[in-house]
C-alpha cells in the first residue's frame, strides 16, 4: 500500500523508521502525490472543471505493484486508472525505486507522463525518523550556514507569515514548541542535507539535493521527526484553484519523464 517504507535497520537490528503507532501517527513514510499539502477547499480546477483531492493526494493510499527487484533494490509502480482519472484527469505512471548501498537508502521518484498533454503535479516524501530517547536529546544540523525562513500554516494553507529558525553553528535543538503551529515549511533552502544529532552525535542524515522545498514535522509528545523533501506545498489563500497555476507545481511535457531522489543514511 503506497509502496511505503516501513523499516530501516542497521546491522545491530536498531530501527530508524517510526513504527506507525496510530496513537500518534499511523504512517511511516508515505509518498505525497499528485499534490503536497492541502488544496484550498480540497478542490482544484482543470480547464474550468472542478476536482477534489485530499491532503497530500491519493498515491499513499493506493496499491503499487512490484515490477523489478534485485538483492539491494526494488521498483514499485502505480498506473493511472479509472479510479485515479476521476480525481486527477491525467494518464501517468508513478515509480518508487528503493536502492540500498551499505548504510544509505536511496529513494527515487519517477513520474512518466503517458498522455499527449502536459500534466501538473507535486511530489514529496514524508519519512518519519524514530527518536527512541527523549525528544530534547536530539537536534538537527543544516548543511550550510543560512537564514532559515519558514512559512506558517493557517487552516492548513500557507500564509504570508514567516519566522526565522534560530541556529547555533547551524544546529537547532528539538523541542515540541517548535511544532505548535504544525510543520515548519521551507519554500527554499541553500542546504542540500540535514543531519539529526542524538546527544550531539550524528544519528541520521537526509540528503535532498534534488528537492527545492522541505517540511519538518512532528506531533506533540510523539517520538519521531519527519524530514520531508518536497516539490510543492499547500495552497495559499489567494490561490486561483487552477492546478497549472499552483505555486511550486511541476508541469511535465507530454510523453516526458520526471526523476528526483533523496537518501537516508544511518550514521
C-alpha atoms as a PDB file:
ATOM      1  CA  UNK A   1       0.000   0.000   0.000  1.00  0.00           C
ATOM      2  CA  UNK A   2       1.583   3.257  -1.128  1.00  0.00           C
ATOM      3  CA  UNK A   3       4.897   1.401  -1.689  1.00  0.00           C
ATOM      4  CA  UNK A   4       5.588   2.706   1.814  1.00  0.00           C
ATOM      5  CA  UNK A   5       8.891   2.174   3.609  1.00  0.00           C
ATOM      6  CA  UNK A   6       8.134   0.509   6.967  1.00  0.00           C
ATOM      7  CA  UNK A   7      11.568  -0.274   8.333  1.00  0.00           C
ATOM      8  CA  UNK A   8      15.240   0.607   8.045  1.00  0.00           C
ATOM      9  CA  UNK A   9      17.613  -1.157  10.433  1.00  0.00           C
ATOM     10  CA  UNK A  10      21.356  -1.264  10.978  1.00  0.00           C
ATOM     11  CA  UNK A  11      23.334  -4.460  11.478  1.00  0.00           C
ATOM     12  CA  UNK A  12      22.659  -4.257  15.223  1.00  0.00           C
ATOM     13  CA  UNK A  13      18.927  -4.508  14.424  1.00  0.00           C
ATOM     14  CA  UNK A  14      18.308  -0.923  15.551  1.00  0.00           C
ATOM     15  CA  UNK A  15      15.190   0.523  13.921  1.00  0.00           C
ATOM     16  CA  UNK A  16      15.362   4.013  12.382  1.00  0.00           C
ATOM     17  CA  UNK A  17      11.858   4.357  10.900  1.00  0.00           C
ATOM     18  CA  UNK A  18       8.874   5.269  13.064  1.00  0.00           C
ATOM     19  CA  UNK A  19       6.753   2.234  13.999  1.00  0.00           C
ATOM     20  CA  UNK A  20       3.440   3.839  12.978  1.00  0.00           C
ATOM     21  CA  UNK A  21       1.664   3.727  16.338  1.00  0.00           C
ATOM     22  CA  UNK A  22      -1.761   5.217  15.480  1.00  0.00           C
ATOM     23  CA  UNK A  23      -1.969   6.845  18.928  1.00  0.00           C
ATOM     24  CA  UNK A  24       0.438   9.396  17.462  1.00  0.00           C
ATOM     25  CA  UNK A  25       0.500   8.898  13.679  1.00  0.00           C
ATOM     26  CA  UNK A  26      -0.327   5.673  11.868  1.00  0.00           C
ATOM     27  CA  UNK A  27       2.078   6.027   8.965  1.00  0.00           C
ATOM     28  CA  UNK A  28       5.813   5.510   8.422  1.00  0.00           C
ATOM     29  CA  UNK A  29       6.991   7.134   5.202  1.00  0.00           C
ATOM     30  CA  UNK A  30       4.126   7.915   2.803  1.00  0.00           C
ATOM     31  CA  UNK A  31       4.576   9.345  -0.683  1.00  0.00           C
ATOM     32  CA  UNK A  32       2.802  12.630  -1.422  1.00  0.00           C
ATOM     33  CA  UNK A  33       1.355  12.717  -4.966  1.00  0.00           C
ATOM     34  CA  UNK A  34      -0.097  14.348  -7.064  1.00  0.00           C
ATOM     35  CA  UNK A  35      -0.198  17.192  -4.516  1.00  0.00           C
ATOM     36  CA  UNK A  36       1.774  18.090  -1.426  1.00  0.00           C
ATOM     37  CA  UNK A  37      -0.152  19.574   1.467  1.00  0.00           C
ATOM     38  CA  UNK A  38      -3.710  20.861   1.286  1.00  0.00           C
ATOM     39  CA  UNK A  39      -5.705  22.419  -1.549  1.00  0.00           C
ATOM     40  CA  UNK A  40      -7.943  25.397  -0.854  1.00  0.00           C
ATOM     41  CA  UNK A  41     -11.354  23.821  -0.108  1.00  0.00           C
ATOM     42  CA  UNK A  42      -9.699  20.488  -1.075  1.00  0.00           C
ATOM     43  CA  UNK A  43     -10.603  21.483  -4.652  1.00  0.00           C
ATOM     44  CA  UNK A  44      -8.751  22.362  -7.843  1.00  0.00           C
ATOM     45  CA  UNK A  45      -9.733  23.030 -11.455  1.00  0.00           C
ATOM     46  CA  UNK A  46      -8.529  21.812 -14.834  1.00  0.00           C
ATOM     47  CA  UNK A  47      -9.953  23.657 -17.851  1.00  0.00           C
ATOM     48  CA  UNK A  48     -12.690  25.017 -15.612  1.00  0.00           C
ATOM     49  CA  UNK A  49     -13.802  21.633 -14.277  1.00  0.00           C
ATOM     50  CA  UNK A  50     -13.609  21.039 -10.522  1.00  0.00           C
ATOM     51  CA  UNK A  51     -11.912  18.029  -8.931  1.00  0.00           C
ATOM     52  CA  UNK A  52     -11.437  17.010  -5.304  1.00  0.00           C
ATOM     53  CA  UNK A  53      -8.200  15.775  -3.722  1.00  0.00           C
ATOM     54  CA  UNK A  54      -7.483  15.071  -0.066  1.00  0.00           C
ATOM     55  CA  UNK A  55      -4.426  16.380   1.758  1.00  0.00           C
ATOM     56  CA  UNK A  56      -1.219  15.002   0.190  1.00  0.00           C
ATOM     57  CA  UNK A  57      -3.099  13.332  -2.678  1.00  0.00           C
ATOM     58  CA  UNK A  58      -4.041   9.698  -3.234  1.00  0.00           C
ATOM     59  CA  UNK A  59      -0.885   7.713  -4.056  1.00  0.00           C
ATOM     60  CA  UNK A  60      -0.091   6.897  -0.415  1.00  0.00           C
ATOM     61  CA  UNK A  61      -3.439   5.068  -0.119  1.00  0.00           C
ATOM     62  CA  UNK A  62      -3.194   3.019  -3.322  1.00  0.00           C
ATOM     63  CA  UNK A  63      -1.652  -0.353  -4.005  1.00  0.00           C
ATOM     64  CA  UNK A  64       1.580  -0.351  -6.012  1.00  0.00           C
ATOM     65  CA  UNK A  65       2.891  -3.336  -7.984  1.00  0.00           C
ATOM     66  CA  UNK A  66       6.440  -4.617  -7.568  1.00  0.00           C
ATOM     67  CA  UNK A  67       7.838  -4.563 -11.118  1.00  0.00           C
ATOM     68  CA  UNK A  68      11.550  -5.196 -10.548  1.00  0.00           C
ATOM     69  CA  UNK A  69      13.862  -6.297  -7.757  1.00  0.00           C
ATOM     70  CA  UNK A  70      17.496  -7.189  -7.127  1.00  0.00           C
ATOM     71  CA  UNK A  71      19.408  -8.090  -3.955  1.00  0.00           C
ATOM     72  CA  UNK A  72      19.574  -4.424  -2.934  1.00  0.00           C
ATOM     73  CA  UNK A  73      16.783  -2.694  -4.857  1.00  0.00           C
ATOM     74  CA  UNK A  74      13.062  -2.737  -5.532  1.00  0.00           C
ATOM     75  CA  UNK A  75      10.922  -0.827  -8.039  1.00  0.00           C
ATOM     76  CA  UNK A  76       7.209  -0.253  -7.344  1.00  0.00           C
ATOM     77  CA  UNK A  77       4.713   1.115  -9.855  1.00  0.00           C
ATOM     78  CA  UNK A  78       1.331   2.836  -9.733  1.00  0.00           C
ATOM     79  CA  UNK A  79      -0.532   3.321 -13.016  1.00  0.00           C
ATOM     80  CA  UNK A  80      -3.359   5.754 -13.645  1.00  0.00           C
ATOM     81  CA  UNK A  81      -6.746   4.037 -13.670  1.00  0.00           C
ATOM     82  CA  UNK A  82     -10.452   4.758 -13.798  1.00  0.00           C
ATOM     83  CA  UNK A  83     -10.236   5.475 -10.067  1.00  0.00           C
ATOM     84  CA  UNK A  84      -7.371   7.981 -10.363  1.00  0.00           C
ATOM     85  CA  UNK A  85      -8.754   9.619 -13.523  1.00  0.00           C
ATOM     86  CA  UNK A  86     -11.933  10.570 -11.664  1.00  0.00           C
ATOM     87  CA  UNK A  87      -9.822  12.578  -9.193  1.00  0.00           C
ATOM     88  CA  UNK A  88      -6.869  13.546 -11.384  1.00  0.00           C
ATOM     89  CA  UNK A  89      -7.612  13.560 -15.140  1.00  0.00           C
ATOM     90  CA  UNK A  90      -4.155  12.627 -16.406  1.00  0.00           C
ATOM     91  CA  UNK A  91      -2.575   9.378 -17.530  1.00  0.00           C
ATOM     92  CA  UNK A  92       0.664   8.638 -15.713  1.00  0.00           C
ATOM     93  CA  UNK A  93       2.895   6.020 -14.166  1.00  0.00           C
ATOM     94  CA  UNK A  94       4.481   6.704 -10.776  1.00  0.00           C
ATOM     95  CA  UNK A  95       7.506   4.618  -9.782  1.00  0.00           C
ATOM     96  CA  UNK A  96       9.207   4.374  -6.388  1.00  0.00           C
ATOM     97  CA  UNK A  97      12.725   2.995  -6.614  1.00  0.00           C
ATOM     98  CA  UNK A  98      14.476   1.896  -3.414  1.00  0.00           C
ATOM     99  CA  UNK A  99      18.206   1.112  -3.528  1.00  0.00           C
ATOM    100  CA  UNK A 100      20.311   0.164  -0.507  1.00  0.00           C
ATOM    101  CA  UNK A 101      24.057   0.966  -0.513  1.00  0.00           C
ATOM    102  CA  UNK A 102      25.628  -0.153   2.778  1.00  0.00           C
ATOM    103  CA  UNK A 103      24.290   2.400   5.287  1.00  0.00           C
ATOM    104  CA  UNK A 104      22.437   4.563   2.754  1.00  0.00           C
ATOM    105  CA  UNK A 105      18.952   4.050   1.356  1.00  0.00           C
ATOM    106  CA  UNK A 106      18.227   5.937  -1.871  1.00  0.00           C
ATOM    107  CA  UNK A 107      14.559   6.661  -2.587  1.00  0.00           C
ATOM    108  CA  UNK A 108      13.888   7.753  -6.153  1.00  0.00           C
ATOM    109  CA  UNK A 109      10.648   9.042  -7.632  1.00  0.00           C
ATOM    110  CA  UNK A 110       9.900   8.700 -11.333  1.00  0.00           C
ATOM    111  CA  UNK A 111       6.791  10.216 -12.917  1.00  0.00           C
ATOM    112  CA  UNK A 112       6.056   9.203 -16.512  1.00  0.00           C
ATOM    113  CA  UNK A 113       3.577  11.323 -18.464  1.00  0.00           C
ATOM    114  CA  UNK A 114       1.636   8.831 -20.572  1.00  0.00           C
ATOM    115  CA  UNK A 115      -0.694  11.387 -22.105  1.00  0.00           C
ATOM    116  CA  UNK A 116      -0.436  13.665 -25.126  1.00  0.00           C
ATOM    117  CA  UNK A 117      -0.817  16.750 -22.913  1.00  0.00           C
ATOM    118  CA  UNK A 118       1.203  18.418 -20.203  1.00  0.00           C
ATOM    119  CA  UNK A 119       0.447  17.280 -16.661  1.00  0.00           C
ATOM    120  CA  UNK A 120       0.773  19.317 -13.447  1.00  0.00           C
ATOM    121  CA  UNK A 121       1.769  17.665 -10.179  1.00  0.00           C
ATOM    122  CA  UNK A 122       3.622  17.998  -6.919  1.00  0.00           C
ATOM    123  CA  UNK A 123       5.521  15.168  -5.260  1.00  0.00           C
ATOM    124  CA  UNK A 124       7.124  14.765  -1.885  1.00  0.00           C
ATOM    125  CA  UNK A 125       8.420  12.472   0.805  1.00  0.00           C
ATOM    126  CA  UNK A 126       7.280  12.118   4.412  1.00  0.00           C
ATOM    127  CA  UNK A 127       9.717   9.736   6.184  1.00  0.00           C
ATOM    128  CA  UNK A 128       9.334   9.630   9.958  1.00  0.00           C
ATOM    129  CA  UNK A 129      12.622   9.015  11.766  1.00  0.00           C
ATOM    130  CA  UNK A 130      12.256   7.168  15.066  1.00  0.00           C
ATOM    131  CA  UNK A 131      13.696   9.013  18.083  1.00  0.00           C
ATOM    132  CA  UNK A 132      13.989   6.435  20.881  1.00  0.00           C
ATOM    133  CA  UNK A 133      15.432   8.799  23.500  1.00  0.00           C
ATOM    134  CA  UNK A 134      13.890  11.950  24.993  1.00  0.00           C
ATOM    135  CA  UNK A 135      12.898  14.361  22.232  1.00  0.00           C
ATOM    136  CA  UNK A 136      15.087  17.102  23.709  1.00  0.00           C
ATOM    137  CA  UNK A 137      18.169  14.866  23.336  1.00  0.00           C
ATOM    138  CA  UNK A 138      18.003  15.478  19.583  1.00  0.00           C
ATOM    139  CA  UNK A 139      18.886  18.368  17.313  1.00  0.00           C
ATOM    140  CA  UNK A 140      19.123  18.870  13.594  1.00  0.00           C
ATOM    141  CA  UNK A 141      22.087  20.400  11.829  1.00  0.00           C
ATOM    142  CA  UNK A 142      21.734  22.048   8.432  1.00  0.00           C
ATOM    143  CA  UNK A 143      24.481  21.559   5.875  1.00  0.00           C
ATOM    144  CA  UNK A 144      25.066  25.287   5.290  1.00  0.00           C
ATOM    145  CA  UNK A 145      25.014  28.474   7.303  1.00  0.00           C
ATOM    146  CA  UNK A 146      21.897  30.298   6.123  1.00  0.00           C
ATOM    147  CA  UNK A 147      18.858  32.267   7.222  1.00  0.00           C
ATOM    148  CA  UNK A 148      16.234  29.609   7.846  1.00  0.00           C
ATOM    149  CA  UNK A 149      12.967  31.330   6.978  1.00  0.00           C
ATOM    150  CA  UNK A 150       9.890  29.156   7.252  1.00  0.00           C
ATOM    151  CA  UNK A 151       6.237  29.793   6.431  1.00  0.00           C
ATOM    152  CA  UNK A 152       3.367  29.342   8.858  1.00  0.00           C
ATOM    153  CA  UNK A 153       0.208  27.398   8.132  1.00  0.00           C
ATOM    154  CA  UNK A 154      -3.254  28.820   8.749  1.00  0.00           C
ATOM    155  CA  UNK A 155      -6.179  26.402   8.342  1.00  0.00           C
ATOM    156  CA  UNK A 156      -3.750  24.002   6.625  1.00  0.00           C
ATOM    157  CA  UNK A 157      -2.902  26.611   3.947  1.00  0.00           C
ATOM    158  CA  UNK A 158       0.370  28.524   3.515  1.00  0.00           C
ATOM    159  CA  UNK A 159       0.082  32.009   4.986  1.00  0.00           C
ATOM    160  CA  UNK A 160       2.225  35.073   4.270  1.00  0.00           C
ATOM    161  CA  UNK A 161       3.542  34.910   7.833  1.00  0.00           C
ATOM    162  CA  UNK A 162       7.117  33.763   8.288  1.00  0.00           C
ATOM    163  CA  UNK A 163       9.523  33.102  11.120  1.00  0.00           C
ATOM    164  CA  UNK A 164      13.256  32.597  11.195  1.00  0.00           C
ATOM    165  CA  UNK A 165      14.574  29.447  12.837  1.00  0.00           C
ATOM    166  CA  UNK A 166      17.378  30.363  15.203  1.00  0.00           C
ATOM    167  CA  UNK A 167      20.526  28.261  14.902  1.00  0.00           C
ATOM    168  CA  UNK A 168      23.790  27.847  16.747  1.00  0.00           C
ATOM    169  CA  UNK A 169      26.546  26.577  14.471  1.00  0.00           C
ATOM    170  CA  UNK A 170      23.788  25.514  12.027  1.00  0.00           C
ATOM    171  CA  UNK A 171      22.176  23.429  14.794  1.00  0.00           C
ATOM    172  CA  UNK A 172      18.589  23.575  16.068  1.00  0.00           C
ATOM    173  CA  UNK A 173      17.759  21.747  19.330  1.00  0.00           C
ATOM    174  CA  UNK A 174      14.478  19.869  19.088  1.00  0.00           C
ATOM    175  CA  UNK A 175      11.527  20.759  21.280  1.00  0.00           C
ATOM    176  CA  UNK A 176       7.800  20.298  20.733  1.00  0.00           C
ATOM    177  CA  UNK A 177       7.166  24.035  20.986  1.00  0.00           C
ATOM    178  CA  UNK A 178       8.733  24.409  17.517  1.00  0.00           C
ATOM    179  CA  UNK A 179       5.783  22.491  16.047  1.00  0.00           C
ATOM    180  CA  UNK A 180       2.898  24.004  17.983  1.00  0.00           C
ATOM    181  CA  UNK A 181       1.633  25.533  14.725  1.00  0.00           C
ATOM    182  CA  UNK A 182       2.132  22.342  12.672  1.00  0.00           C
ATOM    183  CA  UNK A 183       5.010  21.802  10.220  1.00  0.00           C
ATOM    184  CA  UNK A 184       7.953  24.095   9.537  1.00  0.00           C
ATOM    185  CA  UNK A 185       7.767  24.791   5.800  1.00  0.00           C
ATOM    186  CA  UNK A 186      10.844  25.999   3.949  1.00  0.00           C
ATOM    187  CA  UNK A 187       9.999  27.012   0.380  1.00  0.00           C
ATOM    188  CA  UNK A 188      13.697  27.242  -0.482  1.00  0.00           C
ATOM    189  CA  UNK A 189      16.950  26.253   1.214  1.00  0.00           C
ATOM    190  CA  UNK A 190      20.622  26.557   0.371  1.00  0.00           C
ATOM    191  CA  UNK A 191      21.377  23.389   2.338  1.00  0.00           C
ATOM    192  CA  UNK A 192      21.120  20.110   0.443  1.00  0.00           C
ATOM    193  CA  UNK A 193      21.123  17.912   3.540  1.00  0.00           C
ATOM    194  CA  UNK A 194      20.151  17.815   7.181  1.00  0.00           C
ATOM    195  CA  UNK A 195      21.691  15.688   9.931  1.00  0.00           C
ATOM    196  CA  UNK A 196      19.810  14.585  13.028  1.00  0.00           C
ATOM    197  CA  UNK A 197      22.035  14.555  16.106  1.00  0.00           C
ATOM    198  CA  UNK A 198      21.420  12.290  19.098  1.00  0.00           C
ATOM    199  CA  UNK A 199      23.158  13.594  22.229  1.00  0.00           C
ATOM    200  CA  UNK A 200      25.263  15.802  19.924  1.00  0.00           C
ATOM    201  CA  UNK A 201      26.420  12.815  17.862  1.00  0.00           C
ATOM    202  CA  UNK A 202      25.401  12.210  14.213  1.00  0.00           C
ATOM    203  CA  UNK A 203      22.433   9.812  14.042  1.00  0.00           C
ATOM    204  CA  UNK A 204      20.728  10.065  10.638  1.00  0.00           C
ATOM    205  CA  UNK A 205      21.461  12.184   7.567  1.00  0.00           C
ATOM    206  CA  UNK A 206      18.832  13.045   4.965  1.00  0.00           C
ATOM    207  CA  UNK A 207      20.143  14.293   1.596  1.00  0.00           C
ATOM    208  CA  UNK A 208      17.634  16.154  -0.580  1.00  0.00           C
ATOM    209  CA  UNK A 209      19.717  17.911  -3.241  1.00  0.00           C
ATOM    210  CA  UNK A 210      17.094  17.326  -5.961  1.00  0.00           C
ATOM    211  CA  UNK A 211      14.267  18.932  -3.972  1.00  0.00           C
ATOM    212  CA  UNK A 212      13.691  22.711  -3.694  1.00  0.00           C
ATOM    213  CA  UNK A 213      11.472  22.700  -0.581  1.00  0.00           C
ATOM    214  CA  UNK A 214      11.438  20.993   2.801  1.00  0.00           C
ATOM    215  CA  UNK A 215       8.937  20.318   5.549  1.00  0.00           C
ATOM    216  CA  UNK A 216       9.844  19.309   9.114  1.00  0.00           C
ATOM    217  CA  UNK A 217       7.083  17.973  11.354  1.00  0.00           C
ATOM    218  CA  UNK A 218       6.134  16.013  14.416  1.00  0.00           C
ATOM    219  CA  UNK A 219       3.180  15.760  16.795  1.00  0.00           C
ATOM    220  CA  UNK A 220       3.050  16.698  20.466  1.00  0.00           C
ATOM    221  CA  UNK A 221       4.913  14.097  22.574  1.00  0.00           C
ATOM    222  CA  UNK A 222       5.472  11.853  19.529  1.00  0.00           C
ATOM    223  CA  UNK A 223       8.862  10.040  19.444  1.00  0.00           C
ATOM    224  CA  UNK A 224       9.655  10.784  15.811  1.00  0.00           C
ATOM    225  CA  UNK A 225      10.606  13.613  13.457  1.00  0.00           C
ATOM    226  CA  UNK A 226       9.607  13.821   9.790  1.00  0.00           C
ATOM    227  CA  UNK A 227      12.146  15.262   7.344  1.00  0.00           C
ATOM    228  CA  UNK A 228      10.142  15.869   4.167  1.00  0.00           C
ATOM    229  CA  UNK A 229      11.753  16.807   0.816  1.00  0.00           C
ATOM    230  CA  UNK A 230       9.121  18.361  -1.435  1.00  0.00           C
ATOM    231  CA  UNK A 231       8.300  19.703  -4.852  1.00  0.00           C
ATOM    232  CA  UNK A 232       5.401  21.998  -3.976  1.00  0.00           C
ATOM    233  CA  UNK A 233       3.393  22.641  -0.805  1.00  0.00           C
ATOM    234  CA  UNK A 234      -0.098  23.646   0.354  1.00  0.00           C
ATOM    235  CA  UNK A 235      -2.178  26.259  -1.442  1.00  0.00           C
ATOM    236  CA  UNK A 236      -2.183  29.867  -0.351  1.00  0.00           C
ATOM    237  CA  UNK A 237      -5.493  31.548   0.467  1.00  0.00           C
ATOM    238  CA  UNK A 238      -5.172  33.606  -2.737  1.00  0.00           C
ATOM    239  CA  UNK A 239      -4.642  30.558  -4.963  1.00  0.00           C
ATOM    240  CA  UNK A 240      -6.752  30.620  -8.160  1.00  0.00           C
ATOM    241  CA  UNK A 241      -7.577  26.918  -7.930  1.00  0.00           C
ATOM    242  CA  UNK A 242      -6.156  26.157 -11.391  1.00  0.00           C
ATOM    243  CA  UNK A 243      -3.651  23.348 -10.778  1.00  0.00           C
ATOM    244  CA  UNK A 244      -1.387  24.605 -13.572  1.00  0.00           C
ATOM    245  CA  UNK A 245      -1.107  27.953 -11.725  1.00  0.00           C
ATOM    246  CA  UNK A 246      -0.440  26.470  -8.284  1.00  0.00           C
ATOM    247  CA  UNK A 247       2.698  27.782  -6.572  1.00  0.00           C
ATOM    248  CA  UNK A 248       5.511  25.208  -6.672  1.00  0.00           C
ATOM    249  CA  UNK A 249       3.787  22.945  -9.218  1.00  0.00           C
ATOM    250  CA  UNK A 250       5.758  20.871 -11.749  1.00  0.00           C
ATOM    251  CA  UNK A 251       4.467  20.838 -15.328  1.00  0.00           C
ATOM    252  CA  UNK A 252       5.681  17.791 -17.234  1.00  0.00           C
ATOM    253  CA  UNK A 253       5.636  17.726 -21.030  1.00  0.00           C
ATOM    254  CA  UNK A 254       3.716  15.084 -22.959  1.00  0.00           C
ATOM    255  CA  UNK A 255       5.439  11.685 -23.015  1.00  0.00           C
ATOM    256  CA  UNK A 256       8.224  13.013 -20.759  1.00  0.00           C
ATOM    257  CA  UNK A 257       9.705  11.647 -17.518  1.00  0.00           C
ATOM    258  CA  UNK A 258      10.470  13.356 -14.206  1.00  0.00           C
ATOM    259  CA  UNK A 259      13.098  11.987 -11.788  1.00  0.00           C
ATOM    260  CA  UNK A 260      14.163  13.030  -8.299  1.00  0.00           C
ATOM    261  CA  UNK A 261      15.967  11.278  -5.480  1.00  0.00           C
ATOM    262  CA  UNK A 262      16.675  11.687  -1.789  1.00  0.00           C
ATOM    263  CA  UNK A 263      18.544   9.443   0.624  1.00  0.00           C
ATOM    264  CA  UNK A 264      18.531   8.407   4.269  1.00  0.00           C
ATOM    265  CA  UNK A 265      21.918   7.476   5.734  1.00  0.00           C
ATOM    266  CA  UNK A 266      22.498   5.790   9.070  1.00  0.00           C
ATOM    267  CA  UNK A 267      25.497   7.443  10.732  1.00  0.00           C
END
